[in-house]
Protein backbone atom coordinates (compact mmCIF):
# COMPACT_ATOMS: atom_id res chain seq x y z
CA MET A 1 168.26 2.75 -54.22
CA LEU A 2 171.10 4.52 -55.33
CA PHE A 3 173.09 3.59 -52.82
CA LEU A 4 173.35 0.20 -54.17
CA ILE A 5 174.00 1.04 -58.18
CA ASN A 6 176.66 3.67 -56.61
CA ASN A 7 178.64 0.78 -54.78
CA TYR A 8 178.45 -1.80 -57.28
CA TYR A 9 182.08 -2.15 -57.65
CA PHE A 10 182.56 -2.89 -53.99
CA ILE A 11 179.43 -5.51 -54.10
CA MET A 12 180.81 -7.29 -56.97
CA LYS A 13 184.25 -7.54 -55.80
CA ALA A 14 181.85 -8.76 -52.39
CA LEU A 15 180.24 -11.59 -54.79
CA SER A 16 183.64 -12.40 -56.70
CA LEU A 17 185.13 -13.08 -53.32
CA LEU A 18 182.14 -15.29 -52.14
CA CYS A 19 182.82 -17.43 -55.30
CA LEU A 20 186.23 -17.63 -54.43
CA ILE A 21 185.28 -18.89 -51.16
CA SER A 22 183.15 -21.36 -52.25
CA LEU A 23 185.42 -23.14 -55.44
CA ILE A 24 188.09 -23.27 -52.44
CA ILE A 25 185.97 -25.24 -49.60
CA ASN A 26 184.37 -27.34 -52.21
CA LEU A 27 187.63 -28.30 -53.85
CA ARG A 28 187.74 -31.71 -52.81
CA GLU A 29 184.50 -32.51 -54.32
CA ILE A 30 185.19 -30.89 -57.68
CA VAL A 31 188.30 -32.87 -57.75
CA GLY A 32 186.88 -35.96 -57.25
CA LEU A 33 184.70 -35.63 -59.99
CA LEU A 34 187.61 -34.72 -62.09
CA LYS A 35 189.30 -37.70 -60.76
CA LYS A 36 186.82 -40.05 -62.34
CA ILE A 37 187.19 -39.07 -65.89
CA GLU A 38 189.10 -41.17 -68.02
CA ARG A 39 193.00 -40.33 -68.90
CA LYS A 40 192.01 -40.97 -72.72
CA SER A 41 189.21 -38.52 -72.01
CA ALA A 42 191.38 -36.20 -70.63
CA ILE A 43 193.73 -36.09 -73.54
CA LEU A 44 190.62 -35.67 -75.88
CA LEU A 45 189.21 -32.65 -74.43
CA LEU A 46 192.64 -31.28 -73.41
CA LEU A 47 192.77 -31.17 -77.67
CA ILE A 48 189.55 -29.89 -78.17
CA VAL A 49 190.70 -27.03 -75.67
CA VAL A 50 193.49 -26.30 -77.19
CA LEU A 51 192.23 -26.17 -80.59
CA GLY A 52 189.54 -24.06 -79.37
CA LEU A 53 192.06 -21.66 -77.49
CA VAL A 54 194.11 -21.13 -80.89
CA LEU A 55 191.27 -20.38 -82.61
CA ARG A 56 189.88 -17.59 -80.08
CA MET A 57 193.49 -16.15 -79.58
CA TRP A 58 194.87 -16.10 -82.81
CA VAL A 59 192.70 -16.98 -85.88
CA ILE A 60 189.10 -15.09 -85.10
CA PRO A 61 189.56 -11.57 -85.70
CA HIS A 62 189.81 -9.20 -82.58
CA THR A 63 187.24 -6.49 -82.77
CA ALA A 64 184.00 -4.95 -81.74
CA HIS A 65 181.20 -6.75 -83.88
CA ASP A 66 178.53 -5.25 -81.33
CA TYR A 67 178.99 -0.84 -81.85
CA PHE A 68 177.81 0.98 -79.44
CA ASP A 69 177.73 -1.16 -77.11
CA GLU A 70 181.36 -2.83 -76.51
CA PHE A 71 183.03 0.62 -76.23
CA GLU A 72 180.45 1.77 -73.42
CA HIS A 73 181.67 -1.87 -71.28
CA MET A 74 185.23 -1.07 -71.98
CA ASN A 75 184.57 2.82 -70.40
CA ILE A 76 182.87 1.39 -67.73
CA ALA A 77 185.28 -1.03 -66.63
CA GLN A 78 187.95 1.75 -67.19
CA ASN A 79 185.55 4.02 -64.46
CA MET A 80 185.41 0.63 -62.46
CA ALA A 81 189.16 0.05 -62.58
CA PHE A 82 190.61 3.63 -61.78
CA SER A 83 188.01 5.68 -59.92
CA GLY A 84 185.87 2.29 -58.46
CA LYS A 85 182.79 3.93 -59.58
CA PHE A 86 179.75 2.52 -61.51
CA PHE A 87 179.78 5.26 -64.60
CA LEU A 88 179.68 5.73 -68.02
CA THR A 89 181.60 8.60 -69.10
CA LEU A 90 180.25 11.53 -71.29
CA MET A 91 182.96 14.26 -70.47
CA GLY A 92 186.84 13.21 -69.46
CA THR A 93 189.34 10.81 -70.31
CA ASP A 94 190.09 6.90 -69.46
CA ARG A 95 191.54 8.03 -66.06
CA PHE A 96 189.10 11.39 -65.21
CA CYS A 97 185.54 11.24 -65.74
CA GLN A 98 184.25 14.63 -65.41
CA ALA A 99 180.71 14.11 -66.14
CA HIS A 100 178.58 10.64 -66.18
CA ALA A 101 175.36 9.12 -66.92
CA PHE A 102 173.45 6.39 -65.20
CA PRO A 103 174.83 2.77 -67.19
CA HIS A 104 172.24 0.63 -68.29
CA ARG A 105 174.18 -2.06 -67.99
CA ILE A 106 174.59 -4.85 -65.58
CA PRO A 107 178.17 -4.80 -64.11
CA GLY A 108 178.96 -8.19 -63.95
CA TYR A 109 181.20 -8.50 -67.19
CA HIS A 110 182.83 -4.79 -65.91
CA SER A 111 183.76 -5.47 -62.79
CA ILE A 112 185.83 -8.54 -64.20
CA LEU A 113 186.89 -6.56 -66.84
CA ALA A 114 187.96 -4.12 -64.71
CA ARG A 115 190.56 -6.25 -63.27
CA ALA A 116 192.06 -7.18 -66.10
CA PHE A 117 192.49 -3.69 -66.71
CA SER A 118 194.06 -2.50 -63.50
CA VAL A 119 196.64 -5.44 -64.13
CA PHE A 120 197.19 -4.94 -67.79
CA GLY A 121 196.60 -1.85 -68.54
CA ASP A 122 193.14 -0.59 -70.45
CA SER A 123 193.20 -1.33 -73.97
CA GLU A 124 190.74 -2.84 -76.27
CA THR A 125 193.46 -5.79 -77.04
CA VAL A 126 193.33 -6.86 -73.15
CA ALA A 127 189.60 -6.72 -73.73
CA TYR A 128 189.06 -8.96 -76.42
CA ASN A 129 191.79 -11.13 -75.52
CA LEU A 130 189.80 -11.81 -72.05
CA THR A 131 187.20 -12.88 -73.51
CA ALA A 132 188.82 -14.99 -76.14
CA LEU A 133 190.10 -17.03 -73.24
CA ILE A 134 186.14 -16.83 -71.03
CA GLY A 135 185.08 -18.50 -74.27
CA SER A 136 188.17 -20.91 -74.17
CA PHE A 137 187.44 -22.05 -70.71
CA SER A 138 183.75 -22.36 -71.76
CA VAL A 139 184.61 -25.46 -73.48
CA PRO A 140 185.66 -27.94 -70.51
CA LEU A 141 182.57 -26.54 -68.99
CA VAL A 142 180.12 -27.84 -71.36
CA PHE A 143 181.88 -31.22 -71.20
CA LEU A 144 181.88 -31.07 -66.93
CA LEU A 145 177.87 -30.31 -67.30
CA THR A 146 177.07 -32.67 -70.11
CA TYR A 147 179.39 -35.54 -68.05
CA LEU A 148 177.54 -34.53 -64.69
CA LEU A 149 173.66 -34.79 -66.71
CA PHE A 150 174.72 -38.16 -68.99
CA ASN A 151 177.06 -39.73 -66.80
CA GLN A 152 178.90 -40.54 -70.07
CA GLN A 153 182.10 -39.45 -71.17
CA GLY A 154 181.60 -40.03 -74.78
CA ILE A 155 178.51 -37.54 -74.89
CA ALA A 156 180.42 -35.10 -73.03
CA LEU A 157 183.24 -34.95 -75.77
CA TYR A 158 181.15 -34.66 -78.40
CA ALA A 159 178.87 -31.53 -76.57
CA ALA A 160 182.35 -29.95 -76.09
CA PHE A 161 183.70 -30.55 -79.65
CA LEU A 162 180.15 -28.92 -81.06
CA PHE A 163 180.53 -26.46 -78.68
CA ASN A 164 184.32 -25.25 -79.52
CA LEU A 165 183.09 -24.96 -83.12
CA ILE A 166 179.72 -23.00 -82.64
CA PRO A 167 180.21 -20.23 -85.48
CA VAL A 168 178.93 -17.40 -83.16
CA HIS A 169 180.72 -18.41 -80.20
CA LEU A 170 183.55 -18.23 -81.87
CA LYS A 171 182.96 -14.64 -83.46
CA TYR A 172 181.76 -13.29 -80.07
CA SER A 173 185.12 -14.80 -78.18
CA GLY A 174 186.98 -11.93 -80.19
CA ALA A 175 184.83 -9.59 -78.78
CA SER A 176 184.61 -7.53 -75.44
CA GLY A 177 180.63 -7.73 -75.23
CA LEU A 178 178.55 -9.33 -72.33
CA GLU A 179 177.56 -12.43 -73.95
CA VAL A 180 180.88 -15.37 -73.95
CA PRO A 181 180.95 -14.00 -70.43
CA SER A 182 177.64 -14.55 -69.41
CA LEU A 183 177.12 -18.32 -70.86
CA PHE A 184 180.57 -18.70 -68.79
CA PHE A 185 178.74 -18.15 -65.61
CA ILE A 186 175.49 -19.38 -66.64
CA LEU A 187 177.50 -22.76 -67.60
CA LEU A 188 178.89 -22.68 -63.97
CA SER A 189 175.63 -22.27 -62.52
CA TYR A 190 174.12 -25.39 -63.69
CA ILE A 191 177.25 -27.06 -63.06
CA ALA A 192 177.32 -25.81 -59.44
CA ALA A 193 173.54 -26.80 -59.02
CA LEU A 194 174.65 -30.65 -60.31
CA ILE A 195 177.01 -30.87 -57.83
CA TYR A 196 174.66 -29.49 -55.21
CA LEU A 197 172.10 -32.48 -56.33
CA ARG A 198 174.92 -34.54 -55.92
CA GLN A 199 176.55 -33.89 -52.24
CA THR A 200 173.28 -32.03 -50.85
CA THR A 201 175.78 -30.48 -48.57
CA LEU A 202 175.82 -26.66 -47.07
CA LYS A 203 178.94 -26.06 -48.78
CA THR A 204 178.06 -27.48 -52.05
CA LEU A 205 174.77 -24.86 -51.99
CA PHE A 206 177.27 -22.57 -51.39
CA LEU A 207 178.55 -22.64 -54.13
CA LEU A 208 175.37 -22.77 -56.11
CA ILE A 209 174.39 -19.38 -54.37
CA SER A 210 177.72 -17.73 -55.06
CA PHE A 211 178.27 -18.81 -58.85
CA THR A 212 174.29 -18.21 -59.29
CA GLY A 213 174.22 -14.70 -57.79
CA PHE A 214 177.13 -13.75 -59.86
CA ALA A 215 175.61 -15.09 -63.33
CA LEU A 216 172.78 -13.01 -62.25
CA TYR A 217 175.15 -9.58 -63.14
CA LEU A 218 176.16 -10.34 -66.54
CA ARG A 219 173.31 -9.67 -68.44
CA PRO A 220 169.27 -8.45 -67.35
CA GLU A 221 168.01 -11.61 -68.83
CA ASN A 222 169.78 -13.65 -66.57
CA GLY A 223 166.99 -13.47 -64.31
CA ILE A 224 165.40 -16.59 -65.61
CA LEU A 225 167.91 -18.44 -63.66
CA LEU A 226 165.98 -17.30 -60.55
CA PHE A 227 163.36 -19.44 -61.67
CA PHE A 228 165.52 -21.93 -63.80
CA ILE A 229 168.15 -22.79 -60.91
CA PRO A 230 165.13 -23.85 -58.53
CA PHE A 231 163.12 -25.65 -61.06
CA PHE A 232 166.37 -27.78 -62.27
CA ILE A 233 166.76 -28.38 -58.83
CA PHE A 234 163.55 -29.75 -58.23
CA LEU A 235 162.98 -31.68 -61.57
CA PHE A 236 166.26 -33.62 -60.70
CA SER A 237 166.70 -34.24 -57.64
CA ASP A 238 165.83 -37.58 -55.71
CA LYS A 239 162.29 -37.06 -54.63
CA ALA A 240 162.97 -40.32 -52.75
CA GLU A 241 165.51 -38.45 -50.55
CA PHE A 242 163.25 -35.55 -50.24
CA ASN A 243 163.06 -34.77 -46.53
CA ARG A 244 162.92 -31.80 -44.27
CA SER A 245 166.70 -30.77 -43.89
CA LYS A 246 166.39 -30.54 -47.82
CA VAL A 247 163.27 -28.24 -47.60
CA ILE A 248 165.08 -26.23 -45.49
CA ARG A 249 168.14 -26.13 -47.55
CA HIS A 250 165.93 -25.15 -50.44
CA ILE A 251 164.11 -22.14 -48.76
CA SER A 252 167.88 -21.08 -47.49
CA PHE A 253 168.50 -20.99 -50.93
CA SER A 254 165.75 -19.03 -51.88
CA LEU A 255 166.13 -16.24 -49.46
CA LEU A 256 169.90 -15.93 -49.71
CA ILE A 257 169.79 -15.65 -53.49
CA PHE A 258 167.43 -12.86 -53.10
CA VAL A 259 169.56 -11.35 -51.06
CA LEU A 260 172.40 -11.41 -53.51
CA ALA A 261 169.95 -10.51 -56.28
CA LEU A 262 168.73 -7.24 -54.39
CA PRO A 263 170.98 -4.93 -56.51
CA TYR A 264 170.39 -6.59 -59.75
CA LEU A 265 166.45 -6.27 -59.25
CA VAL A 266 167.11 -2.11 -58.35
CA HIS A 267 168.99 -1.95 -61.09
CA ILE A 268 166.09 -3.42 -63.48
CA TYR A 269 163.64 -1.48 -61.57
CA LEU A 270 165.62 1.84 -62.08
CA ASP A 271 166.28 1.14 -66.11
CA VAL A 272 162.54 0.43 -66.16
CA PHE A 273 161.23 3.26 -64.55
CA THR A 274 163.23 5.93 -63.25
CA TYR A 275 165.78 6.04 -65.97
CA PRO A 276 163.49 4.12 -68.57
CA ALA A 277 166.18 2.51 -71.45
CA LYS A 278 164.89 1.93 -74.95
CA GLU A 279 165.39 -2.08 -74.19
CA TRP A 280 162.85 -1.89 -71.33
CA SER A 281 160.57 0.58 -71.82
CA ALA A 282 158.39 -0.68 -74.39
CA THR A 283 154.79 -1.02 -74.27
CA LEU A 284 153.33 -4.41 -74.64
CA CYS A 285 151.87 -3.58 -77.91
CA GLU A 286 155.33 -2.66 -79.16
CA ARG A 287 156.82 -6.14 -77.54
CA ILE A 288 154.12 -7.82 -79.40
CA ILE A 289 155.48 -6.35 -82.71
CA ARG A 290 158.59 -6.60 -82.39
CA PHE A 291 157.96 -10.30 -81.08
CA ARG A 292 155.31 -11.01 -84.20
CA ARG A 293 158.46 -9.80 -86.79
CA GLN A 294 161.02 -11.45 -85.21
CA LEU A 295 160.23 -14.56 -84.06
CA PRO A 296 160.51 -16.04 -87.81
CA ASP A 297 163.53 -14.75 -88.57
CA ASN A 298 164.83 -16.29 -84.91
CA LEU A 299 163.35 -19.80 -85.70
CA PHE A 300 164.93 -19.71 -89.31
CA PHE A 301 168.31 -18.89 -88.00
CA TRP A 302 168.60 -22.48 -86.78
CA PHE A 303 167.94 -23.81 -90.00
CA SER A 304 170.23 -20.92 -92.22
CA ASN A 305 173.40 -20.56 -93.13
CA PHE A 306 174.06 -19.10 -89.78
CA THR A 307 173.82 -22.72 -88.24
CA PRO A 308 176.03 -25.42 -89.10
CA LEU A 309 173.71 -27.56 -90.50
CA PRO A 310 175.04 -31.03 -88.67
CA PHE A 311 174.37 -29.07 -85.46
CA THR A 312 170.61 -28.75 -85.96
CA LEU A 313 170.34 -32.36 -87.64
CA LEU A 314 172.34 -33.75 -84.63
CA ALA A 315 169.94 -32.23 -81.61
CA ILE A 316 166.76 -33.02 -83.51
CA PHE A 317 168.01 -36.84 -83.53
CA GLY A 318 169.12 -36.18 -79.83
CA ILE A 319 165.42 -35.24 -79.25
CA MET A 320 163.89 -38.25 -80.80
CA ARG A 321 166.20 -40.20 -78.48
CA LEU A 322 165.25 -38.15 -75.59
CA ILE A 323 161.73 -38.70 -75.80
CA ARG A 324 162.43 -42.58 -75.29
CA GLU A 325 165.21 -42.17 -72.41
CA ASN A 326 165.31 -39.00 -70.83
CA LYS A 327 162.12 -37.30 -70.69
CA LYS A 328 163.24 -34.79 -67.56
CA MET A 329 166.23 -33.62 -69.20
CA LEU A 330 164.64 -33.18 -72.77
CA ILE A 331 161.73 -30.86 -70.87
CA PHE A 332 163.90 -28.80 -69.07
CA PHE A 333 166.23 -27.57 -71.50
CA SER A 334 163.68 -27.44 -74.38
CA LEU A 335 162.12 -24.77 -71.85
CA TRP A 336 165.40 -22.81 -71.64
CA PHE A 337 165.49 -22.72 -75.18
CA ILE A 338 162.14 -21.29 -75.90
CA VAL A 339 161.99 -19.15 -72.98
CA LEU A 340 165.07 -17.46 -74.29
CA LEU A 341 163.43 -17.62 -77.64
CA ALA A 342 160.63 -15.68 -76.25
CA VAL A 343 162.52 -13.22 -74.39
CA TYR A 344 165.27 -12.19 -76.93
CA SER A 345 162.04 -12.24 -79.97
CA GLN A 346 160.51 -8.93 -78.25
CA HIS A 347 163.76 -7.29 -77.74
CA ILE A 348 164.28 -4.64 -79.88
CA ASN A 349 166.89 -5.00 -82.67
CA SER A 350 167.41 -8.92 -81.45
CA SER A 351 166.89 -10.35 -85.09
CA PHE A 352 169.13 -13.21 -85.55
CA ILE A 353 169.68 -12.97 -89.12
CA ASN A 354 168.43 -9.32 -90.30
CA ASN A 355 170.51 -7.67 -87.16
CA PRO A 356 174.17 -7.79 -87.94
CA ASP A 357 175.10 -7.78 -83.79
CA GLY A 358 171.67 -9.53 -83.13
CA ASP A 359 172.76 -13.49 -83.46
CA ARG A 360 174.79 -12.49 -80.45
CA PHE A 361 171.43 -13.26 -78.29
CA SER A 362 171.28 -16.69 -79.64
CA LEU A 363 174.00 -17.80 -77.60
CA PRO A 364 172.62 -18.86 -74.56
CA MET A 365 170.31 -21.45 -76.57
CA TYR A 366 173.23 -22.73 -78.21
CA LEU A 367 173.35 -24.54 -74.77
CA THR A 368 170.29 -26.84 -75.53
CA LEU A 369 171.60 -27.41 -78.93
CA VAL A 370 174.79 -28.70 -78.02
CA ILE A 371 173.61 -30.88 -75.37
CA PHE A 372 171.24 -32.47 -77.77
CA ALA A 373 173.49 -32.32 -80.54
CA GLY A 374 176.31 -34.11 -78.02
CA PHE A 375 173.94 -37.17 -77.03
CA GLY A 376 172.52 -37.28 -80.92
CA LEU A 377 176.15 -37.84 -82.38
CA PHE A 378 176.42 -40.23 -79.66
CA GLU A 379 173.55 -42.37 -80.40
CA ALA A 380 174.33 -41.96 -83.85
CA LEU A 381 177.34 -43.13 -83.83
CA ASN A 382 176.78 -46.64 -81.82
CA LEU A 383 174.43 -47.19 -84.99
CA SER A 384 177.61 -47.60 -86.83
CA LYS A 385 179.02 -50.75 -87.83
CA ASN A 386 183.16 -49.31 -88.28
CA LYS A 387 182.82 -46.49 -85.49
CA ARG A 388 186.40 -45.10 -85.49
CA ILE A 389 185.61 -43.96 -89.47
CA ALA A 390 182.37 -42.70 -88.59
CA ILE A 391 183.35 -40.75 -85.86
CA PHE A 392 186.32 -39.30 -88.33
CA LEU A 393 183.54 -38.79 -90.92
CA ALA A 394 181.68 -37.39 -89.26
CA LEU A 395 183.77 -34.81 -86.75
CA SER A 396 185.57 -33.71 -90.21
CA PHE A 397 182.17 -32.87 -91.79
CA ILE A 398 181.21 -30.81 -88.95
CA LEU A 399 184.57 -29.35 -89.54
CA ILE A 400 183.92 -28.12 -93.05
CA GLU A 401 180.32 -27.20 -92.05
CA THR A 402 181.61 -24.81 -89.40
CA PHE A 403 183.65 -22.05 -91.09
CA PRO A 404 181.36 -21.28 -94.15
CA SER A 405 178.42 -20.14 -91.42
CA LEU A 406 181.73 -18.66 -89.53
CA ARG A 407 182.56 -16.39 -92.61
CA LEU A 408 179.14 -15.39 -92.94
CA SER A 409 178.85 -14.10 -89.64
CA LEU A 410 181.94 -11.72 -89.35
CA ASP A 411 181.10 -10.64 -93.11
CA ARG A 412 178.27 -9.15 -91.51
CA THR A 413 180.74 -6.77 -89.03
CA PHE A 414 182.96 -6.12 -92.05
CA SER A 415 180.90 -4.97 -94.48
CA ARG A 416 178.94 -2.11 -91.97
CA ASP A 417 179.56 1.08 -92.15
CA ILE A 418 179.71 1.63 -88.55
CA TYR A 419 182.95 -0.34 -89.01
CA LYS A 420 184.26 1.54 -91.33
CA GLU A 421 183.87 4.81 -88.86
CA TYR A 422 185.91 2.60 -86.65
CA ASN A 423 188.82 2.35 -88.61
CA PHE A 424 188.75 5.92 -89.47
CA VAL A 425 189.04 6.39 -85.90
CA TRP A 426 191.90 4.61 -85.56
CA ASP A 427 193.79 5.37 -88.58
CA ASN A 428 193.53 9.26 -87.79
CA LYS A 429 194.17 9.00 -83.93
CA ASP A 430 197.79 10.07 -84.05
CA LYS A 431 195.72 13.67 -85.84
CA ILE A 432 194.05 14.22 -82.32
CA PRO A 433 196.39 16.27 -79.55
CA ASP A 434 195.96 14.59 -76.10
CA ASP A 435 194.49 17.77 -74.64
CA THR A 436 191.98 18.75 -77.31
CA TYR A 437 188.52 17.52 -76.98
CA VAL A 438 186.59 15.35 -79.37
CA LEU A 439 182.97 16.28 -79.88
CA THR A 440 180.98 13.31 -80.40
CA PHE A 441 177.76 11.75 -79.29
CA ALA A 442 179.79 8.91 -78.40
CA PRO A 443 182.19 9.96 -76.03
CA TYR A 444 183.03 6.44 -74.86
CA PHE A 445 184.08 5.50 -78.00
CA ILE A 446 186.57 7.83 -78.45
CA ILE A 447 187.57 7.32 -74.64
CA SER A 448 188.01 3.04 -74.86
CA THR A 449 189.50 3.00 -78.32
CA ILE A 450 192.09 5.72 -79.01
CA HIS A 451 192.18 7.12 -75.24
CA LYS A 452 191.77 11.11 -76.23
CA LYS A 453 189.32 14.03 -74.02
CA ALA A 454 185.95 13.04 -75.59
CA VAL A 455 182.83 15.01 -74.31
CA LEU A 456 178.77 15.02 -75.50
CA PRO A 457 178.51 19.00 -77.68
CA GLU A 458 175.61 19.74 -75.55
CA LEU A 459 177.91 19.79 -72.63
CA PHE A 460 180.64 21.28 -74.07
CA LEU A 461 178.00 24.35 -74.90
CA ARG A 462 177.65 24.66 -71.28
CA LEU A 463 181.07 24.73 -70.45
CA GLU A 464 181.92 28.93 -68.95
CA ASP A 465 185.58 28.42 -70.38
CA LYS A 466 185.54 27.05 -73.71
CA PRO A 467 188.84 26.00 -75.18
CA GLU A 468 190.63 27.78 -78.30
CA THR A 469 190.46 24.20 -79.90
CA ALA A 470 188.38 21.48 -80.27
CA ILE A 471 187.70 18.40 -82.50
CA LEU A 472 184.25 17.62 -84.04
CA LEU A 473 183.59 14.04 -85.18
CA ASP A 474 181.07 14.50 -87.82
CA ASP A 475 178.99 11.33 -88.82
CA PHE A 476 175.98 9.92 -90.82
CA TRP A 477 175.04 7.07 -88.92
CA GLN A 478 172.46 8.41 -85.85
CA ASP A 479 168.52 8.53 -86.67
CA ALA A 480 166.44 11.61 -87.99
CA GLU A 481 166.04 12.76 -84.55
CA ALA A 482 169.42 13.02 -83.93
CA LEU A 483 170.57 14.40 -87.29
CA ARG A 484 167.96 17.08 -86.12
CA VAL A 485 169.48 17.79 -82.87
CA TYR A 486 173.51 17.23 -84.37
CA LYS A 487 172.16 20.09 -87.05
CA LYS A 488 171.23 22.60 -84.30
CA ILE A 489 173.93 22.15 -82.21
CA GLU A 490 176.38 22.43 -85.48
CA ASP A 491 174.95 26.25 -86.07
CA GLN A 492 175.74 27.12 -82.21
CA LEU A 493 179.14 25.91 -82.72
CA LYS A 494 179.71 28.05 -86.09
CA LYS A 495 178.69 31.31 -83.86
CA ILE A 496 181.90 30.22 -81.47
CA TYR A 497 184.43 28.34 -83.71
CA ASP A 498 185.44 28.40 -87.49
CA PHE A 499 185.44 24.97 -88.92
CA LYS A 500 188.33 23.51 -90.70
CA LEU A 501 188.13 19.95 -92.22
CA LEU A 502 191.01 17.72 -90.86
CA SER A 503 190.22 14.42 -92.38
CA ARG A 504 187.26 12.88 -94.18
CA PHE A 505 186.33 9.26 -95.35
CA SER A 506 183.06 8.93 -97.83
CA VAL A 507 181.02 5.92 -97.88
CA SER A 508 178.92 7.20 -100.52
CA GLN A 509 178.55 10.67 -102.37
CA ASP A 510 176.05 11.55 -99.08
CA GLN A 511 177.76 9.75 -96.30
CA ASN A 512 180.77 10.65 -94.70
CA TYR A 513 182.76 10.74 -91.54
CA SER A 514 184.95 13.70 -90.71
CA PHE A 515 187.04 14.98 -88.00
CA ILE A 516 186.75 18.62 -88.30
CA LEU A 517 188.89 21.04 -86.09
CA LEU A 518 187.07 24.17 -84.29
CA THR A 519 189.30 27.36 -83.86
CA LYS A 520 187.61 29.88 -81.57
CA LYS A 521 186.59 33.11 -83.34
CA ASN A 522 187.98 36.28 -81.53
CA ASN A 523 185.10 38.48 -79.94
CA VAL A 524 182.46 36.80 -80.37
CA LEU A 525 178.81 35.76 -78.51
CA ASP A 526 178.98 31.74 -77.13
CA ALA A 527 176.39 29.89 -78.14
CA ASP A 528 173.60 31.57 -75.63
CA GLY A 529 174.26 34.79 -76.74
CA GLU A 530 175.69 36.48 -73.76
């Protein structure tokens, strides 16, 4: 089974090629859909996209929000770009991995980022700009999805406008996490499903299989697409035209998507049973406790200051109208919202309100919110006597209400003590020689940000020929068990090295970040007493 995981880089290349080929052979159908969009709507959509691009590229801060996952993502992408291996470095540099671990990550985003690193270099700037572009390109996808669902360009424009201003999406469009790219490919999967429902040809089926297959590899929970896409096709297909050939196509879809999903399923199996990750190895009782604790927060999130009030109110109004006008759409996207809410509420540290980076899990649920809210806004404005004034007032109010929520979300990152460590490391990077190892419990953090050599302290102690000097990153954020291990390692290091403080940043009297220079003692025993 590890054979599939070890060859992830080539598997993801093959999947990317499938997506590209499917796009090319369906180009005429896609262009045909776009030709039906009126010029006025196209201009308005362009203005919305440009606004979103400006916000995401030059206004929203580009920084890490999800500690320390984002540094893992960049390091894995470095190894895929320069070694062709799906590794997480425990000892080495950004170009050479001397010791590695099995990554508890799904490789879709890393394969995309690896290509960007191969072309533009492996810097945080490249990672942040890539996510900002993906976030910006998601806006026209929301327009196209909503347009195909309702056949109304007005609804699609309102949905795209609202999506463009989602505070959580804006926030994480300046980061390097999985959530924004994941939502991008979820959108592509549903658009491909709608194109297939309109054309029902083998080549549109190929488009659906390719994008759904790739979407699985963006986040672990995207496996629900294996159930939701077939349900979507069944719910929205024309039963009057349901014949033997379509049944065969649907069976073919199921078989082919299973083949593409096989490495994904193997990875999930390894995460649960062979290399248990804390996110996956929890007992049923632990999951129930988390669910009961986090569900109220995650429900309240949609009525809190983190979600602009107009979004929720318009979605509720849209639901009221859909009850009468389109029950199928209401059922499907409500179920999408409810299932994701249940999945995330039992996940570790996924309170959208209490965990500073837990709000990122709300992103795929916003797909439901903006579809309902876009429809609700369209219906509400149709009730107005002076539609132009109503549109101006409504959109202005939404803009005004968005940015306090965005500021609130951003402040949660910048006030964190871990973020202060990030700044501390950057401020002191020039004090660390390129040929000197930094000992840290998160080597990928040092490797992916300041591009220095890094190693886990446990691995460093096992080196037979230890270097004359090294640098220890001493911090306080670990839990009690990690601190106990750190104290033991520090005692072993003091048998071999003299400690000298290089730099320190005090968060409080008992909380410090420090770089400590280790200089080898003369004629000493090593840590094992040999």
